């Protein structure tokens, strides 16, 4: 578990699970960003990590199967409801990272949500549901590895 004290909150934020959208967030055109391997390995020592994806390119297991995380795939239709159901099943303490319209419900069900604006962009409507918006998935994971950044952004 990753515990973060955020000034102005009644209680610390306790992150138990990290949910990552795949395409557009931690991968481009189905290719996993290798720069995320080290931060994922570090975070996996403290929280469960999940990739939630419709696996558009059919290669998420080939790209990420060697990492210390779980991969949940689901049909392309209804992806938003699938992501939301997974987050709700995980319970409290979910840190969600995504970029698309189908991440809105996942963000709403999460403790902290981070929208990533990578080369594929991000859905404008997602911004209203994000706690933080960053320019790369490495920056998103660094919010947990360097929690002073998250404290500064979310303090009351």
C-alpha atoms as a PDB file:
ATOM      1  CA  UNK A   1       0.000   0.000   0.000  1.00  0.00           C
ATOM      2  CA  UNK A   2       1.115   3.546  -0.754  1.00  0.00           C
ATOM      3  CA  UNK A   3       0.012   6.081   1.850  1.00  0.00           C
ATOM      4  CA  UNK A   4       0.033   9.761   0.951  1.00  0.00           C
ATOM      5  CA  UNK A   5      -0.812  12.618   3.291  1.00  0.00           C
ATOM      6  CA  UNK A   6      -2.527  15.393   1.332  1.00  0.00           C
ATOM      7  CA  UNK A   7      -2.974  18.672   3.234  1.00  0.00           C
ATOM      8  CA  UNK A   8      -6.618  19.554   3.715  1.00  0.00           C
ATOM      9  CA  UNK A   9      -7.907  15.980   3.554  1.00  0.00           C
ATOM     10  CA  UNK A  10      -9.380  14.370   6.645  1.00  0.00           C
ATOM     11  CA  UNK A  11      -7.402  11.169   6.183  1.00  0.00           C
ATOM     12  CA  UNK A  12      -4.391   9.964   4.223  1.00  0.00           C
ATOM     13  CA  UNK A  13      -4.949   8.535   0.762  1.00  0.00           C
ATOM     14  CA  UNK A  14      -4.115   4.832   0.766  1.00  0.00           C
ATOM     15  CA  UNK A  15      -3.463   3.410  -2.698  1.00  0.00           C
ATOM     16  CA  UNK A  16      -3.852  -0.368  -2.874  1.00  0.00           C
ATOM     17  CA  UNK A  17      -4.367  -0.794  -6.623  1.00  0.00           C
ATOM     18  CA  UNK A  18      -3.142   0.961  -9.753  1.00  0.00           C
ATOM     19  CA  UNK A  19      -5.340   0.589 -12.851  1.00  0.00           C
ATOM     20  CA  UNK A  20      -3.778   1.495 -16.179  1.00  0.00           C
ATOM     21  CA  UNK A  21      -5.579   1.898 -19.462  1.00  0.00           C
ATOM     22  CA  UNK A  22      -3.424   0.439 -22.233  1.00  0.00           C
ATOM     23  CA  UNK A  23      -3.722   1.982 -25.712  1.00  0.00           C
ATOM     24  CA  UNK A  24      -3.140   5.719 -25.760  1.00  0.00           C
ATOM     25  CA  UNK A  25      -2.074   5.723 -22.116  1.00  0.00           C
ATOM     26  CA  UNK A  26       0.819   3.306 -21.539  1.00  0.00           C
ATOM     27  CA  UNK A  27       1.117   2.186 -25.167  1.00  0.00           C
ATOM     28  CA  UNK A  28       1.007   3.819 -28.581  1.00  0.00           C
ATOM     29  CA  UNK A  29      -0.359   1.846 -31.521  1.00  0.00           C
ATOM     30  CA  UNK A  30      -0.244  -1.268 -29.343  1.00  0.00           C
ATOM     31  CA  UNK A  31       3.435  -0.817 -28.404  1.00  0.00           C
ATOM     32  CA  UNK A  32       4.138  -0.621 -24.673  1.00  0.00           C
ATOM     33  CA  UNK A  33       6.329   2.287 -23.543  1.00  0.00           C
ATOM     34  CA  UNK A  34       9.535   0.655 -22.302  1.00  0.00           C
ATOM     35  CA  UNK A  35      10.207   3.703 -20.109  1.00  0.00           C
ATOM     36  CA  UNK A  36       7.429   2.434 -17.809  1.00  0.00           C
ATOM     37  CA  UNK A  37       9.047  -0.888 -17.011  1.00  0.00           C
ATOM     38  CA  UNK A  38      11.192   0.374 -14.126  1.00  0.00           C
ATOM     39  CA  UNK A  39       8.482   2.504 -12.446  1.00  0.00           C
ATOM     40  CA  UNK A  40       6.013  -0.395 -12.713  1.00  0.00           C
ATOM     41  CA  UNK A  41       8.501  -2.773 -11.093  1.00  0.00           C
ATOM     42  CA  UNK A  42       9.093  -0.289  -8.258  1.00  0.00           C
ATOM     43  CA  UNK A  43       5.390   0.358  -7.667  1.00  0.00           C
ATOM     44  CA  UNK A  44       4.486  -3.334  -7.800  1.00  0.00           C
ATOM     45  CA  UNK A  45       6.335  -3.774  -4.498  1.00  0.00           C
ATOM     46  CA  UNK A  46       3.724  -1.551  -2.828  1.00  0.00           C
ATOM     47  CA  UNK A  47       0.459  -1.906  -4.776  1.00  0.00           C
ATOM     48  CA  UNK A  48      -1.293  -4.308  -7.127  1.00  0.00           C
ATOM     49  CA  UNK A  49      -1.069  -3.141 -10.726  1.00  0.00           C
ATOM     50  CA  UNK A  50      -3.646  -3.905 -13.408  1.00  0.00           C
ATOM     51  CA  UNK A  51      -3.832  -3.183 -17.110  1.00  0.00           C
ATOM     52  CA  UNK A  52      -7.464  -2.788 -18.197  1.00  0.00           C
ATOM     53  CA  UNK A  53      -7.903  -3.066 -21.952  1.00  0.00           C
ATOM     54  CA  UNK A  54     -10.052  -4.154 -24.854  1.00  0.00           C
ATOM     55  CA  UNK A  55      -6.676  -5.100 -26.401  1.00  0.00           C
ATOM     56  CA  UNK A  56      -7.332  -3.447 -29.744  1.00  0.00           C
ATOM     57  CA  UNK A  57      -4.083  -4.744 -31.250  1.00  0.00           C
ATOM     58  CA  UNK A  58      -4.294  -8.177 -29.609  1.00  0.00           C
ATOM     59  CA  UNK A  59      -0.785  -8.024 -28.171  1.00  0.00           C
ATOM     60  CA  UNK A  60      -1.004  -6.719 -24.606  1.00  0.00           C
ATOM     61  CA  UNK A  61       0.083 -10.060 -23.099  1.00  0.00           C
ATOM     62  CA  UNK A  62       3.059 -10.261 -25.458  1.00  0.00           C
ATOM     63  CA  UNK A  63       4.030  -6.666 -24.639  1.00  0.00           C
ATOM     64  CA  UNK A  64       3.440  -6.730 -20.861  1.00  0.00           C
ATOM     65  CA  UNK A  65       3.202 -10.359 -19.736  1.00  0.00           C
ATOM     66  CA  UNK A  66       6.720 -10.248 -18.238  1.00  0.00           C
ATOM     67  CA  UNK A  67       5.841  -7.408 -15.850  1.00  0.00           C
ATOM     68  CA  UNK A  68       4.650  -7.805 -12.231  1.00  0.00           C
ATOM     69  CA  UNK A  69       1.022  -6.939 -12.975  1.00  0.00           C
ATOM     70  CA  UNK A  70      -2.308  -8.465 -13.941  1.00  0.00           C
ATOM     71  CA  UNK A  71      -3.900  -7.952 -17.341  1.00  0.00           C
ATOM     72  CA  UNK A  72      -7.685  -7.774 -17.647  1.00  0.00           C
ATOM     73  CA  UNK A  73      -9.088  -7.827 -21.156  1.00  0.00           C
ATOM     74  CA  UNK A  74     -12.718  -7.450 -22.143  1.00  0.00           C
ATOM     75  CA  UNK A  75     -14.819  -6.909 -25.281  1.00  0.00           C
ATOM     76  CA  UNK A  76     -14.449  -3.592 -27.086  1.00  0.00           C
ATOM     77  CA  UNK A  77     -18.142  -2.878 -26.709  1.00  0.00           C
ATOM     78  CA  UNK A  78     -18.994  -1.850 -23.184  1.00  0.00           C
ATOM     79  CA  UNK A  79     -15.357  -1.176 -22.227  1.00  0.00           C
ATOM     80  CA  UNK A  80     -16.355   1.719 -19.956  1.00  0.00           C
ATOM     81  CA  UNK A  81     -18.704  -0.467 -17.917  1.00  0.00           C
ATOM     82  CA  UNK A  82     -16.086  -3.217 -17.709  1.00  0.00           C
ATOM     83  CA  UNK A  83     -13.453  -0.813 -16.382  1.00  0.00           C
ATOM     84  CA  UNK A  84     -15.867   0.644 -13.864  1.00  0.00           C
ATOM     85  CA  UNK A  85     -16.882  -2.833 -12.649  1.00  0.00           C
ATOM     86  CA  UNK A  86     -13.248  -3.852 -12.176  1.00  0.00           C
ATOM     87  CA  UNK A  87     -12.441  -0.724 -10.167  1.00  0.00           C
ATOM     88  CA  UNK A  88     -15.524  -1.200  -8.001  1.00  0.00           C
ATOM     89  CA  UNK A  89     -14.562  -4.847  -7.453  1.00  0.00           C
ATOM     90  CA  UNK A  90     -11.101  -3.775  -6.299  1.00  0.00           C
ATOM     91  CA  UNK A  91     -12.709  -1.511  -3.705  1.00  0.00           C
ATOM     92  CA  UNK A  92     -11.155   1.501  -2.019  1.00  0.00           C
ATOM     93  CA  UNK A  93      -7.730   2.868  -2.807  1.00  0.00           C
ATOM     94  CA  UNK A  94      -7.621   2.732  -6.606  1.00  0.00           C
ATOM     95  CA  UNK A  95      -5.291   5.024  -8.555  1.00  0.00           C
ATOM     96  CA  UNK A  96      -6.528   5.101 -12.167  1.00  0.00           C
ATOM     97  CA  UNK A  97      -4.617   6.293 -15.221  1.00  0.00           C
ATOM     98  CA  UNK A  98      -6.229   6.718 -18.629  1.00  0.00           C
ATOM     99  CA  UNK A  99      -6.815   8.913 -21.645  1.00  0.00           C
ATOM    100  CA  UNK A 100     -10.114   7.978 -23.275  1.00  0.00           C
ATOM    101  CA  UNK A 101     -13.840   8.449 -23.133  1.00  0.00           C
ATOM    102  CA  UNK A 102     -14.191   4.891 -21.870  1.00  0.00           C
ATOM    103  CA  UNK A 103     -12.107   5.828 -18.810  1.00  0.00           C
ATOM    104  CA  UNK A 104     -14.637   8.321 -17.418  1.00  0.00           C
ATOM    105  CA  UNK A 105     -16.546   5.816 -15.287  1.00  0.00           C
ATOM    106  CA  UNK A 106     -13.297   4.212 -14.111  1.00  0.00           C
ATOM    107  CA  UNK A 107     -12.111   7.658 -12.997  1.00  0.00           C
ATOM    108  CA  UNK A 108     -15.350   8.361 -11.151  1.00  0.00           C
ATOM    109  CA  UNK A 109     -15.040   5.072  -9.242  1.00  0.00           C
ATOM    110  CA  UNK A 110     -11.373   5.649  -8.283  1.00  0.00           C
ATOM    111  CA  UNK A 111      -9.739   7.274  -5.272  1.00  0.00           C
ATOM    112  CA  UNK A 112      -7.403   9.307  -7.495  1.00  0.00           C
ATOM    113  CA  UNK A 113      -7.576   9.589 -11.276  1.00  0.00           C
ATOM    114  CA  UNK A 114      -4.891  10.825 -13.647  1.00  0.00           C
ATOM    115  CA  UNK A 115      -5.472  11.684 -17.292  1.00  0.00           C
ATOM    116  CA  UNK A 116      -2.512  11.320 -19.635  1.00  0.00           C
ATOM    117  CA  UNK A 117      -2.106  13.437 -22.743  1.00  0.00           C
ATOM    118  CA  UNK A 118       0.348  11.432 -24.804  1.00  0.00           C
ATOM    119  CA  UNK A 119       0.781  11.525 -28.598  1.00  0.00           C
ATOM    120  CA  UNK A 120      -2.702  10.044 -29.127  1.00  0.00           C
ATOM    121  CA  UNK A 121      -4.216  12.868 -27.066  1.00  0.00           C
ATOM    122  CA  UNK A 122      -6.969  12.455 -24.511  1.00  0.00           C
ATOM    123  CA  UNK A 123     -10.716  12.844 -24.515  1.00  0.00           C
ATOM    124  CA  UNK A 124     -11.645  16.394 -23.534  1.00  0.00           C
ATOM    125  CA  UNK A 125     -14.613  15.168 -21.504  1.00  0.00           C
ATOM    126  CA  UNK A 126     -12.244  13.073 -19.380  1.00  0.00           C
ATOM    127  CA  UNK A 127     -10.607  16.228 -18.019  1.00  0.00           C
ATOM    128  CA  UNK A 128     -13.652  17.022 -15.872  1.00  0.00           C
ATOM    129  CA  UNK A 129     -13.329  13.618 -14.181  1.00  0.00           C
ATOM    130  CA  UNK A 130      -9.556  13.673 -13.601  1.00  0.00           C
ATOM    131  CA  UNK A 131      -7.909  14.730 -10.365  1.00  0.00           C
ATOM    132  CA  UNK A 132      -4.662  15.423 -12.221  1.00  0.00           C
ATOM    133  CA  UNK A 133      -3.683  15.788 -15.895  1.00  0.00           C
ATOM    134  CA  UNK A 134      -0.115  14.964 -16.942  1.00  0.00           C
ATOM    135  CA  UNK A 135       1.785  14.842 -20.215  1.00  0.00           C
ATOM    136  CA  UNK A 136       3.142  11.301 -19.987  1.00  0.00           C
ATOM    137  CA  UNK A 137       2.457   7.995 -18.257  1.00  0.00           C
ATOM    138  CA  UNK A 138       5.862   8.225 -16.562  1.00  0.00           C
ATOM    139  CA  UNK A 139       4.681  11.498 -14.993  1.00  0.00           C
ATOM    140  CA  UNK A 140       1.497   9.737 -13.847  1.00  0.00           C
ATOM    141  CA  UNK A 141       3.407   6.949 -12.083  1.00  0.00           C
ATOM    142  CA  UNK A 142       5.903   9.439 -10.672  1.00  0.00           C
ATOM    143  CA  UNK A 143       3.026  10.983  -8.715  1.00  0.00           C
ATOM    144  CA  UNK A 144       3.139   7.818  -6.591  1.00  0.00           C
ATOM    145  CA  UNK A 145       6.913   7.420  -6.616  1.00  0.00           C
ATOM    146  CA  UNK A 146       7.446  11.097  -5.736  1.00  0.00           C
ATOM    147  CA  UNK A 147       4.328  11.863  -3.657  1.00  0.00           C
ATOM    148  CA  UNK A 148       5.256  15.475  -2.920  1.00  0.00           C
ATOM    149  CA  UNK A 149       4.141  16.202  -6.493  1.00  0.00           C
ATOM    150  CA  UNK A 150       0.704  14.780  -5.760  1.00  0.00           C
ATOM    151  CA  UNK A 151       0.526  16.599  -2.420  1.00  0.00           C
ATOM    152  CA  UNK A 152       1.304  19.920  -4.085  1.00  0.00           C
ATOM    153  CA  UNK A 153      -1.292  19.418  -6.809  1.00  0.00           C
ATOM    154  CA  UNK A 154      -4.158  18.123  -4.645  1.00  0.00           C
ATOM    155  CA  UNK A 155      -3.681  20.073  -1.423  1.00  0.00           C
ATOM    156  CA  UNK A 156      -6.676  22.044  -0.226  1.00  0.00           C
END
